[in-house]
Amino acid sequence: MAGLQRQSCINHPERYGHAVCMTCRKTVCQECATEFDGVNYCVACLLKRRSGARGGLPVLGWVLVAAVSTALFLAGPSVMVWGVTLLFRGIS
C-alpha cells in the first residue's frame, strides 16, 4: 500500500493511489477504483468490460423464444381439453 501512495491517480493527479486496475495496470484513487467480482478496475476498463458482456441474445434467439412461447400458448388449451376428455372417458 505504501507503494501506491507514492503514485498519483491517473484521473486526479493531486490524489494518492488507492488501487491498481487489473486490466491496464494504471493507479487510481479511491473514488476512481471500482471493484467488480473482487477485482479492481478503472472506469474506462470497466466500461469496456460491460460493453463486451452486453452481447445478449441475437435476433434469431428472440424469434425462437417468441415461436416456442406462441406454440405453447396455442397448444395449452388443446392439451387441457384432451386431458379432460380422457379423464371423463375413464370415469364412465
PDB file of N, CA and C in Angstrom:
ATOM      1  N   MET A   1       0.819  -1.190   0.000  1.00  0.00           N
ATOM      2  CA  MET A   1       0.000   0.000   0.000  1.00  0.00           C
ATOM      3  C   MET A   1       0.867   1.259   0.000  1.00  0.00           C
ATOM      4  N   ALA A   2       2.019   1.206   0.618  1.00  0.00           N
ATOM      5  CA  ALA A   2       2.896   2.371   0.662  1.00  0.00           C
ATOM      6  C   ALA A   2       3.364   2.748  -0.741  1.00  0.00           C
ATOM      7  N   GLY A   3       3.577   1.725  -1.589  1.00  0.00           N
ATOM      8  CA  GLY A   3       3.988   1.992  -2.961  1.00  0.00           C
ATOM      9  C   GLY A   3       2.916   2.711  -3.751  1.00  0.00           C
ATOM     10  N   LEU A   4       1.661   2.380  -3.486  1.00  0.00           N
ATOM     11  CA  LEU A   4       0.568   3.049  -4.182  1.00  0.00           C
ATOM     12  C   LEU A   4       0.452   4.507  -3.760  1.00  0.00           C
ATOM     13  N   GLN A   5       0.714   4.790  -2.507  1.00  0.00           N
ATOM     14  CA  GLN A   5       0.574   6.164  -2.039  1.00  0.00           C
ATOM     15  C   GLN A   5       1.656   7.076  -2.606  1.00  0.00           C
ATOM     16  N   ARG A   6       2.716   6.521  -3.125  1.00  0.00           N
ATOM     17  CA  ARG A   6       3.747   7.337  -3.771  1.00  0.00           C
ATOM     18  C   ARG A   6       3.311   7.711  -5.187  1.00  0.00           C
ATOM     19  N   GLN A   7       2.404   6.940  -5.741  1.00  0.00           N
ATOM     20  CA  GLN A   7       1.920   7.213  -7.091  1.00  0.00           C
ATOM     21  C   GLN A   7       0.609   7.986  -6.998  1.00  0.00           C
ATOM     22  N   SER A   8       0.334   8.773  -8.010  1.00  0.00           N
ATOM     23  CA  SER A   8      -0.916   9.536  -8.003  1.00  0.00           C
ATOM     24  C   SER A   8      -1.918   8.892  -8.957  1.00  0.00           C
ATOM     25  N   CYS A   9      -3.169   9.256  -8.767  1.00  0.00           N
ATOM     26  CA  CYS A   9      -4.265   8.730  -9.585  1.00  0.00           C
ATOM     27  C   CYS A   9      -4.104   9.215 -11.019  1.00  0.00           C
ATOM     28  N   ILE A  10      -4.434   8.359 -11.965  1.00  0.00           N
ATOM     29  CA  ILE A  10      -4.330   8.711 -13.385  1.00  0.00           C
ATOM     30  C   ILE A  10      -5.326   9.826 -13.754  1.00  0.00           C
ATOM     31  N   ASN A  11      -6.484   9.871 -13.062  1.00  0.00           N
ATOM     32  CA  ASN A  11      -7.514  10.877 -13.352  1.00  0.00           C
ATOM     33  C   ASN A  11      -7.410  12.109 -12.454  1.00  0.00           C
ATOM     34  N   HIS A  12      -6.892  11.934 -11.249  1.00  0.00           N
ATOM     35  CA  HIS A  12      -6.767  13.025 -10.281  1.00  0.00           C
ATOM     36  C   HIS A  12      -5.325  13.075  -9.777  1.00  0.00           C
ATOM     37  N   PRO A  13      -4.453  13.803 -10.444  1.00  0.00           N
ATOM     38  CA  PRO A  13      -3.019  13.821 -10.069  1.00  0.00           C
ATOM     39  C   PRO A  13      -2.755  14.315  -8.649  1.00  0.00           C
ATOM     40  N   GLU A  14      -3.684  15.038  -8.058  1.00  0.00           N
ATOM     41  CA  GLU A  14      -3.472  15.559  -6.711  1.00  0.00           C
ATOM     42  C   GLU A  14      -3.806  14.524  -5.629  1.00  0.00           C
ATOM     43  N   ARG A  15      -4.364  13.388  -6.007  1.00  0.00           N
ATOM     44  CA  ARG A  15      -4.749  12.361  -5.037  1.00  0.00           C
ATOM     45  C   ARG A  15      -3.773  11.186  -5.075  1.00  0.00           C
ATOM     46  N   TYR A  16      -3.618  10.553  -3.914  1.00  0.00           N
ATOM     47  CA  TYR A  16      -2.772   9.372  -3.820  1.00  0.00           C
ATOM     48  C   TYR A  16      -3.475   8.164  -4.433  1.00  0.00           C
ATOM     49  N   GLY A  17      -2.685   7.215  -4.884  1.00  0.00           N
ATOM     50  CA  GLY A  17      -3.236   5.997  -5.447  1.00  0.00           C
ATOM     51  C   GLY A  17      -3.849   5.108  -4.375  1.00  0.00           C
ATOM     52  N   HIS A  18      -4.925   4.444  -4.725  1.00  0.00           N
ATOM     53  CA  HIS A  18      -5.623   3.541  -3.813  1.00  0.00           C
ATOM     54  C   HIS A  18      -5.586   2.102  -4.326  1.00  0.00           C
ATOM     55  N   ALA A  19      -5.677   1.947  -5.634  1.00  0.00           N
ATOM     56  CA  ALA A  19      -5.709   0.605  -6.228  1.00  0.00           C
ATOM     57  C   ALA A  19      -5.077   0.647  -7.609  1.00  0.00           C
ATOM     58  N   VAL A  20      -4.804  -0.538  -8.138  1.00  0.00           N
ATOM     59  CA  VAL A  20      -4.260  -0.669  -9.487  1.00  0.00           C
ATOM     60  C   VAL A  20      -5.286  -1.423 -10.324  1.00  0.00           C
ATOM     61  N   CYS A  21      -5.625  -0.876 -11.477  1.00  0.00           N
ATOM     62  CA  CYS A  21      -6.552  -1.541 -12.391  1.00  0.00           C
ATOM     63  C   CYS A  21      -5.894  -2.827 -12.893  1.00  0.00           C
ATOM     64  N   MET A  22      -6.599  -3.926 -12.823  1.00  0.00           N
ATOM     65  CA  MET A  22      -6.027  -5.213 -13.203  1.00  0.00           C
ATOM     66  C   MET A  22      -5.988  -5.412 -14.717  1.00  0.00           C
ATOM     67  N   THR A  23      -6.609  -4.518 -15.486  1.00  0.00           N
ATOM     68  CA  THR A  23      -6.571  -4.630 -16.937  1.00  0.00           C
ATOM     69  C   THR A  23      -5.452  -3.781 -17.526  1.00  0.00           C
ATOM     70  N   CYS A  24      -5.471  -2.477 -17.219  1.00  0.00           N
ATOM     71  CA  CYS A  24      -4.488  -1.569 -17.822  1.00  0.00           C
ATOM     72  C   CYS A  24      -3.315  -1.262 -16.900  1.00  0.00           C
ATOM     73  N   ARG A  25      -3.385  -1.717 -15.637  1.00  0.00           N
ATOM     74  CA  ARG A  25      -2.321  -1.547 -14.646  1.00  0.00           C
ATOM     75  C   ARG A  25      -2.067  -0.081 -14.273  1.00  0.00           C
ATOM     76  N   LYS A  26      -3.073   0.781 -14.434  1.00  0.00           N
ATOM     77  CA  LYS A  26      -2.933   2.182 -14.028  1.00  0.00           C
ATOM     78  C   LYS A  26      -3.353   2.326 -12.568  1.00  0.00           C
ATOM     79  N   THR A  27      -2.743   3.287 -11.887  1.00  0.00           N
ATOM     80  CA  THR A  27      -3.072   3.559 -10.498  1.00  0.00           C
ATOM     81  C   THR A  27      -4.249   4.516 -10.445  1.00  0.00           C
ATOM     82  N   VAL A  28      -5.232   4.199  -9.593  1.00  0.00           N
ATOM     83  CA  VAL A  28      -6.421   5.042  -9.450  1.00  0.00           C
ATOM     84  C   VAL A  28      -6.659   5.342  -7.976  1.00  0.00           C
ATOM     85  N   CYS A  29      -7.335   6.464  -7.711  1.00  0.00           N
ATOM     86  CA  CYS A  29      -7.659   6.840  -6.341  1.00  0.00           C
ATOM     87  C   CYS A  29      -8.881   6.046  -5.872  1.00  0.00           C
ATOM     88  N   GLN A  30      -9.263   6.277  -4.637  1.00  0.00           N
ATOM     89  CA  GLN A  30     -10.380   5.534  -4.061  1.00  0.00           C
ATOM     90  C   GLN A  30     -11.690   5.847  -4.782  1.00  0.00           C
ATOM     91  N   GLU A  31     -11.854   7.066  -5.249  1.00  0.00           N
ATOM     92  CA  GLU A  31     -13.068   7.447  -5.957  1.00  0.00           C
ATOM     93  C   GLU A  31     -13.141   6.785  -7.339  1.00  0.00           C
ATOM     94  N   CYS A  32     -12.015   6.644  -7.995  1.00  0.00           N
ATOM     95  CA  CYS A  32     -11.988   6.086  -9.348  1.00  0.00           C
ATOM     96  C   CYS A  32     -11.959   4.559  -9.379  1.00  0.00           C
ATOM     97  N   ALA A  33     -11.531   3.928  -8.295  1.00  0.00           N
ATOM     98  CA  ALA A  33     -11.424   2.470  -8.266  1.00  0.00           C
ATOM     99  C   ALA A  33     -12.815   1.852  -8.139  1.00  0.00           C
ATOM    100  N   THR A  34     -13.084   0.862  -8.942  1.00  0.00           N
ATOM    101  CA  THR A  34     -14.335   0.130  -8.882  1.00  0.00           C
ATOM    102  C   THR A  34     -14.008  -1.351  -8.760  1.00  0.00           C
ATOM    103  N   GLU A  35     -14.573  -1.976  -7.738  1.00  0.00           N
ATOM    104  CA  GLU A  35     -14.338  -3.406  -7.539  1.00  0.00           C
ATOM    105  C   GLU A  35     -15.479  -4.181  -8.169  1.00  0.00           C
ATOM    106  N   PHE A  36     -15.135  -5.135  -9.037  1.00  0.00           N
ATOM    107  CA  PHE A  36     -16.119  -5.974  -9.718  1.00  0.00           C
ATOM    108  C   PHE A  36     -15.639  -7.412  -9.620  1.00  0.00           C
ATOM    109  N   ASP A  37     -16.428  -8.260  -9.007  1.00  0.00           N
ATOM    110  CA  ASP A  37     -16.056  -9.655  -8.765  1.00  0.00           C
ATOM    111  C   ASP A  37     -14.749  -9.769  -7.995  1.00  0.00           C
ATOM    112  N   GLY A  38     -14.527  -8.857  -7.072  1.00  0.00           N
ATOM    113  CA  GLY A  38     -13.336  -8.903  -6.238  1.00  0.00           C
ATOM    114  C   GLY A  38     -12.071  -8.382  -6.893  1.00  0.00           C
ATOM    115  N   VAL A  39     -12.192  -7.784  -8.082  1.00  0.00           N
ATOM    116  CA  VAL A  39     -11.030  -7.279  -8.813  1.00  0.00           C
ATOM    117  C   VAL A  39     -11.220  -5.787  -9.059  1.00  0.00           C
ATOM    118  N   ASN A  40     -10.147  -4.993  -8.882  1.00  0.00           N
ATOM    119  CA  ASN A  40     -10.219  -3.547  -9.100  1.00  0.00           C
ATOM    120  C   ASN A  40     -10.067  -3.209 -10.579  1.00  0.00           C
ATOM    121  N   TYR A  41     -10.905  -2.277 -11.042  1.00  0.00           N
ATOM    122  CA  TYR A  41     -10.845  -1.780 -12.414  1.00  0.00           C
ATOM    123  C   TYR A  41     -10.958  -0.270 -12.393  1.00  0.00           C
ATOM    124  N   CYS A  42     -10.375   0.386 -13.405  1.00  0.00           N
ATOM    125  CA  CYS A  42     -10.611   1.814 -13.590  1.00  0.00           C
ATOM    126  C   CYS A  42     -11.926   1.955 -14.360  1.00  0.00           C
ATOM    127  N   VAL A  43     -12.432   3.169 -14.438  1.00  0.00           N
ATOM    128  CA  VAL A  43     -13.729   3.392 -15.075  1.00  0.00           C
ATOM    129  C   VAL A  43     -13.700   2.994 -16.550  1.00  0.00           C
ATOM    130  N   ALA A  44     -12.648   3.349 -17.259  1.00  0.00           N
ATOM    131  CA  ALA A  44     -12.564   3.055 -18.692  1.00  0.00           C
ATOM    132  C   ALA A  44     -12.552   1.548 -18.951  1.00  0.00           C
ATOM    133  N   CYS A  45     -11.780   0.809 -18.180  1.00  0.00           N
ATOM    134  CA  CYS A  45     -11.703  -0.650 -18.383  1.00  0.00           C
ATOM    135  C   CYS A  45     -13.006  -1.326 -17.980  1.00  0.00           C
ATOM    136  N   LEU A  46     -13.668  -0.816 -16.939  1.00  0.00           N
ATOM    137  CA  LEU A  46     -14.943  -1.397 -16.524  1.00  0.00           C
ATOM    138  C   LEU A  46     -16.004  -1.165 -17.593  1.00  0.00           C
ATOM    139  N   LEU A  47     -15.997   0.010 -18.222  1.00  0.00           N
ATOM    140  CA  LEU A  47     -16.956   0.265 -19.302  1.00  0.00           C
ATOM    141  C   LEU A  47     -16.708  -0.652 -20.492  1.00  0.00           C
ATOM    142  N   LYS A  48     -15.443  -0.881 -20.818  1.00  0.00           N
ATOM    143  CA  LYS A  48     -15.122  -1.811 -21.905  1.00  0.00           C
ATOM    144  C   LYS A  48     -15.601  -3.215 -21.572  1.00  0.00           C
ATOM    145  N   ARG A  49     -15.401  -3.623 -20.324  1.00  0.00           N
ATOM    146  CA  ARG A  49     -15.811  -4.959 -19.890  1.00  0.00           C
ATOM    147  C   ARG A  49     -17.329  -5.105 -19.946  1.00  0.00           C
ATOM    148  N   ARG A  50     -18.047  -4.090 -19.510  1.00  0.00           N
ATOM    149  CA  ARG A  50     -19.507  -4.144 -19.526  1.00  0.00           C
ATOM    150  C   ARG A  50     -20.054  -4.124 -20.952  1.00  0.00           C
ATOM    151  N   SER A  51     -19.461  -3.335 -21.831  1.00  0.00           N
ATOM    152  CA  SER A  51     -19.961  -3.271 -23.206  1.00  0.00           C
ATOM    153  C   SER A  51     -19.705  -4.580 -23.930  1.00  0.00           C
ATOM    154  N   GLY A  52     -18.621  -5.275 -23.601  1.00  0.00           N
ATOM    155  CA  GLY A  52     -18.344  -6.573 -24.207  1.00  0.00           C
ATOM    156  C   GLY A  52     -19.285  -7.651 -23.701  1.00  0.00           C
ATOM    157  N   ALA A  53     -19.795  -7.518 -22.486  1.00  0.00           N
ATOM    158  CA  ALA A  53     -20.682  -8.519 -21.906  1.00  0.00           C
ATOM    159  C   ALA A  53     -22.134  -8.316 -22.310  1.00  0.00           C
ATOM    160  N   ARG A  54     -22.439  -7.240 -22.985  1.00  0.00           N
ATOM    161  CA  ARG A  54     -23.820  -6.950 -23.332  1.00  0.00           C
ATOM    162  C   ARG A  54     -24.248  -7.560 -24.657  1.00  0.00           C
ATOM    163  N   GLY A  55     -23.547  -8.538 -25.139  1.00  0.00           N
ATOM    164  CA  GLY A  55     -23.898  -9.158 -26.410  1.00  0.00           C
ATOM    165  C   GLY A  55     -25.349  -9.592 -26.460  1.00  0.00           C
ATOM    166  N   GLY A  56     -25.825 -10.236 -25.403  1.00  0.00           N
ATOM    167  CA  GLY A  56     -27.215 -10.648 -25.326  1.00  0.00           C
ATOM    168  C   GLY A  56     -27.571 -11.677 -26.390  1.00  0.00           C
ATOM    169  N   LEU A  57     -28.842 -11.955 -26.496  1.00  0.00           N
ATOM    170  CA  LEU A  57     -29.321 -12.892 -27.498  1.00  0.00           C
ATOM    171  C   LEU A  57     -29.415 -12.203 -28.850  1.00  0.00           C
ATOM    172  N   PRO A  58     -29.012 -12.882 -29.900  1.00  0.00           N
ATOM    173  CA  PRO A  58     -29.189 -12.295 -31.225  1.00  0.00           C
ATOM    174  C   PRO A  58     -30.666 -12.321 -31.612  1.00  0.00           C
ATOM    175  N   VAL A  59     -30.982 -11.682 -32.718  1.00  0.00           N
ATOM    176  CA  VAL A  59     -32.372 -11.589 -33.176  1.00  0.00           C
ATOM    177  C   VAL A  59     -32.959 -12.980 -33.387  1.00  0.00           C
ATOM    178  N   LEU A  60     -32.167 -13.894 -33.911  1.00  0.00           N
ATOM    179  CA  LEU A  60     -32.654 -15.257 -34.131  1.00  0.00           C
ATOM    180  C   LEU A  60     -33.069 -15.911 -32.812  1.00  0.00           C
ATOM    181  N   GLY A  61     -32.346 -15.636 -31.750  1.00  0.00           N
ATOM    182  CA  GLY A  61     -32.705 -16.164 -30.437  1.00  0.00           C
ATOM    183  C   GLY A  61     -34.043 -15.639 -29.963  1.00  0.00           C
ATOM    184  N   TRP A  62     -34.276 -14.348 -30.159  1.00  0.00           N
ATOM    185  CA  TRP A  62     -35.565 -13.760 -29.761  1.00  0.00           C
ATOM    186  C   TRP A  62     -36.709 -14.327 -30.600  1.00  0.00           C
ATOM    187  N   VAL A  63     -36.474 -14.542 -31.875  1.00  0.00           N
ATOM    188  CA  VAL A  63     -37.512 -15.121 -32.733  1.00  0.00           C
ATOM    189  C   VAL A  63     -37.831 -16.540 -32.269  1.00  0.00           C
ATOM    190  N   LEU A  64     -36.814 -17.304 -31.922  1.00  0.00           N
ATOM    191  CA  LEU A  64     -37.016 -18.673 -31.446  1.00  0.00           C
ATOM    192  C   LEU A  64     -37.805 -18.684 -30.140  1.00  0.00           C
ATOM    193  N   VAL A  65     -37.482 -17.804 -29.222  1.00  0.00           N
ATOM    194  CA  VAL A  65     -38.212 -17.714 -27.953  1.00  0.00           C
ATOM    195  C   VAL A  65     -39.672 -17.348 -28.208  1.00  0.00           C
ATOM    196  N   ALA A  66     -39.922 -16.395 -29.102  1.00  0.00           N
ATOM    197  CA  ALA A  66     -41.294 -15.997 -29.422  1.00  0.00           C
ATOM    198  C   ALA A  66     -42.062 -17.142 -30.071  1.00  0.00           C
ATOM    199  N   ALA A  67     -41.424 -17.898 -30.970  1.00  0.00           N
ATOM    200  CA  ALA A  67     -42.098 -19.007 -31.645  1.00  0.00           C
ATOM    201  C   ALA A  67     -42.459 -20.118 -30.661  1.00  0.00           C
ATOM    202  N   VAL A  68     -41.556 -20.468 -29.779  1.00  0.00           N
ATOM    203  CA  VAL A  68     -41.837 -21.513 -28.796  1.00  0.00           C
ATOM    204  C   VAL A  68     -42.925 -21.059 -27.831  1.00  0.00           C
ATOM    205  N   SER A  69     -42.884 -19.821 -27.398  1.00  0.00           N
ATOM    206  CA  SER A  69     -43.913 -19.298 -26.494  1.00  0.00           C
ATOM    207  C   SER A  69     -45.282 -19.324 -27.151  1.00  0.00           C
ATOM    208  N   THR A  70     -45.355 -18.920 -28.414  1.00  0.00           N
ATOM    209  CA  THR A  70     -46.626 -18.938 -29.138  1.00  0.00           C
ATOM    210  C   THR A  70     -47.145 -20.363 -29.304  1.00  0.00           C
ATOM    211  N   ALA A  71     -46.257 -21.291 -29.640  1.00  0.00           N
ATOM    212  CA  ALA A  71     -46.670 -22.688 -29.801  1.00  0.00           C
ATOM    213  C   ALA A  71     -47.197 -23.252 -28.487  1.00  0.00           C
ATOM    214  N   LEU A  72     -46.540 -22.978 -27.391  1.00  0.00           N
ATOM    215  CA  LEU A  72     -47.017 -23.460 -26.097  1.00  0.00           C
ATOM    216  C   LEU A  72     -48.340 -22.804 -25.714  1.00  0.00           C
ATOM    217  N   PHE A  73     -48.502 -21.538 -26.024  1.00  0.00           N
ATOM    218  CA  PHE A  73     -49.747 -20.823 -25.717  1.00  0.00           C
ATOM    219  C   PHE A  73     -50.913 -21.409 -26.507  1.00  0.00           C
ATOM    220  N   LEU A  74     -50.669 -21.729 -27.792  1.00  0.00           N
ATOM    221  CA  LEU A  74     -51.734 -22.281 -28.622  1.00  0.00           C
ATOM    222  C   LEU A  74     -52.013 -23.756 -28.312  1.00  0.00           C
ATOM    223  N   ALA A  75     -50.996 -24.503 -27.907  1.00  0.00           N
ATOM    224  CA  ALA A  75     -51.176 -25.929 -27.621  1.00  0.00           C
ATOM    225  C   ALA A  75     -51.767 -26.170 -26.230  1.00  0.00           C
ATOM    226  N   GLY A  76     -51.643 -25.231 -25.339  1.00  0.00           N
ATOM    227  CA  GLY A  76     -52.127 -25.404 -23.969  1.00  0.00           C
ATOM    228  C   GLY A  76     -53.598 -25.753 -23.859  1.00  0.00           C
ATOM    229  N   PRO A  77     -54.500 -24.989 -24.464  1.00  0.00           N
ATOM    230  CA  PRO A  77     -55.921 -25.338 -24.374  1.00  0.00           C
ATOM    231  C   PRO A  77     -56.255 -26.701 -24.990  1.00  0.00           C
ATOM    232  N   SER A  78     -55.613 -27.046 -26.090  1.00  0.00           N
ATOM    233  CA  SER A  78     -55.867 -28.352 -26.714  1.00  0.00           C
ATOM    234  C   SER A  78     -55.469 -29.483 -25.783  1.00  0.00           C
ATOM    235  N   VAL A  79     -54.343 -29.346 -25.123  1.00  0.00           N
ATOM    236  CA  VAL A  79     -53.886 -30.372 -24.190  1.00  0.00           C
ATOM    237  C   VAL A  79     -54.842 -30.477 -23.009  1.00  0.00           C
ATOM    238  N   MET A  80     -55.353 -29.346 -22.531  1.00  0.00           N
ATOM    239  CA  MET A  80     -56.294 -29.391 -21.408  1.00  0.00           C
ATOM    240  C   MET A  80     -57.608 -30.060 -21.814  1.00  0.00           C
ATOM    241  N   VAL A  81     -58.130 -29.742 -22.995  1.00  0.00           N
ATOM    242  CA  VAL A  81     -59.367 -30.372 -23.468  1.00  0.00           C
ATOM    243  C   VAL A  81     -59.146 -31.864 -23.653  1.00  0.00           C
ATOM    244  N   TRP A  82     -58.029 -32.256 -24.217  1.00  0.00           N
ATOM    245  CA  TRP A  82     -57.711 -33.661 -24.420  1.00  0.00           C
ATOM    246  C   TRP A  82     -57.610 -34.390 -23.076  1.00  0.00           C
ATOM    247  N   GLY A  83     -56.999 -33.768 -22.102  1.00  0.00           N
ATOM    248  CA  GLY A  83     -56.864 -34.366 -20.778  1.00  0.00           C
ATOM    249  C   GLY A  83     -58.198 -34.535 -20.082  1.00  0.00           C
ATOM    250  N   VAL A  84     -59.043 -33.534 -20.180  1.00  0.00           N
ATOM    251  CA  VAL A  84     -60.374 -33.624 -19.566  1.00  0.00           C
ATOM    252  C   VAL A  84     -61.201 -34.708 -20.252  1.00  0.00           C
ATOM    253  N   THR A  85     -61.108 -34.811 -21.575  1.00  0.00           N
ATOM    254  CA  THR A  85     -61.840 -35.845 -22.317  1.00  0.00           C
ATOM    255  C   THR A  85     -61.392 -37.232 -21.873  1.00  0.00           C
ATOM    256  N   LEU A  86     -60.099 -37.447 -21.747  1.00  0.00           N
ATOM    257  CA  LEU A  86     -59.600 -38.744 -21.285  1.00  0.00           C
ATOM    258  C   LEU A  86     -60.028 -39.025 -19.853  1.00  0.00           C
ATOM    259  N   LEU A  87     -60.073 -38.005 -19.035  1.00  0.00           N
ATOM    260  CA  LEU A  87     -60.478 -38.158 -17.645  1.00  0.00           C
ATOM    261  C   LEU A  87     -61.926 -38.612 -17.564  1.00  0.00           C
ATOM    262  N   PHE A  88     -62.810 -37.978 -18.338  1.00  0.00           N
ATOM    263  CA  PHE A  88     -64.223 -38.342 -18.303  1.00  0.00           C
ATOM    264  C   PHE A  88     -64.472 -39.703 -18.925  1.00  0.00           C
ATOM    265  N   ARG A  89     -63.703 -40.101 -19.930  1.00  0.00           N
ATOM    266  CA  ARG A  89     -63.845 -41.436 -20.507  1.00  0.00           C
ATOM    267  C   ARG A  89     -63.457 -42.513 -19.496  1.00  0.00           C
ATOM    268  N   GLY A  90     -62.463 -42.203 -18.695  1.00  0.00           N
ATOM    269  CA  GLY A  90     -62.020 -43.162 -17.681  1.00  0.00           C
ATOM    270  C   GLY A  90     -63.020 -43.298 -16.559  1.00  0.00           C
ATOM    271  N   ILE A  91     -63.780 -42.252 -16.256  1.00  0.00           N
ATOM    272  CA  ILE A  91     -64.754 -42.277 -15.156  1.00  0.00           C
ATOM    273  C   ILE A  91     -65.994 -43.056 -15.585  1.00  0.00           C
ATOM    274  N   SER A  92     -66.494 -42.879 -16.832  1.00  0.00           N
ATOM    275  CA  SER A  92     -67.734 -43.529 -17.237  1.00  0.00           C
ATOM    276  C   SER A  92     -67.591 -44.947 -17.596  1.00  0.00           C
TER     277      SER A  92
END
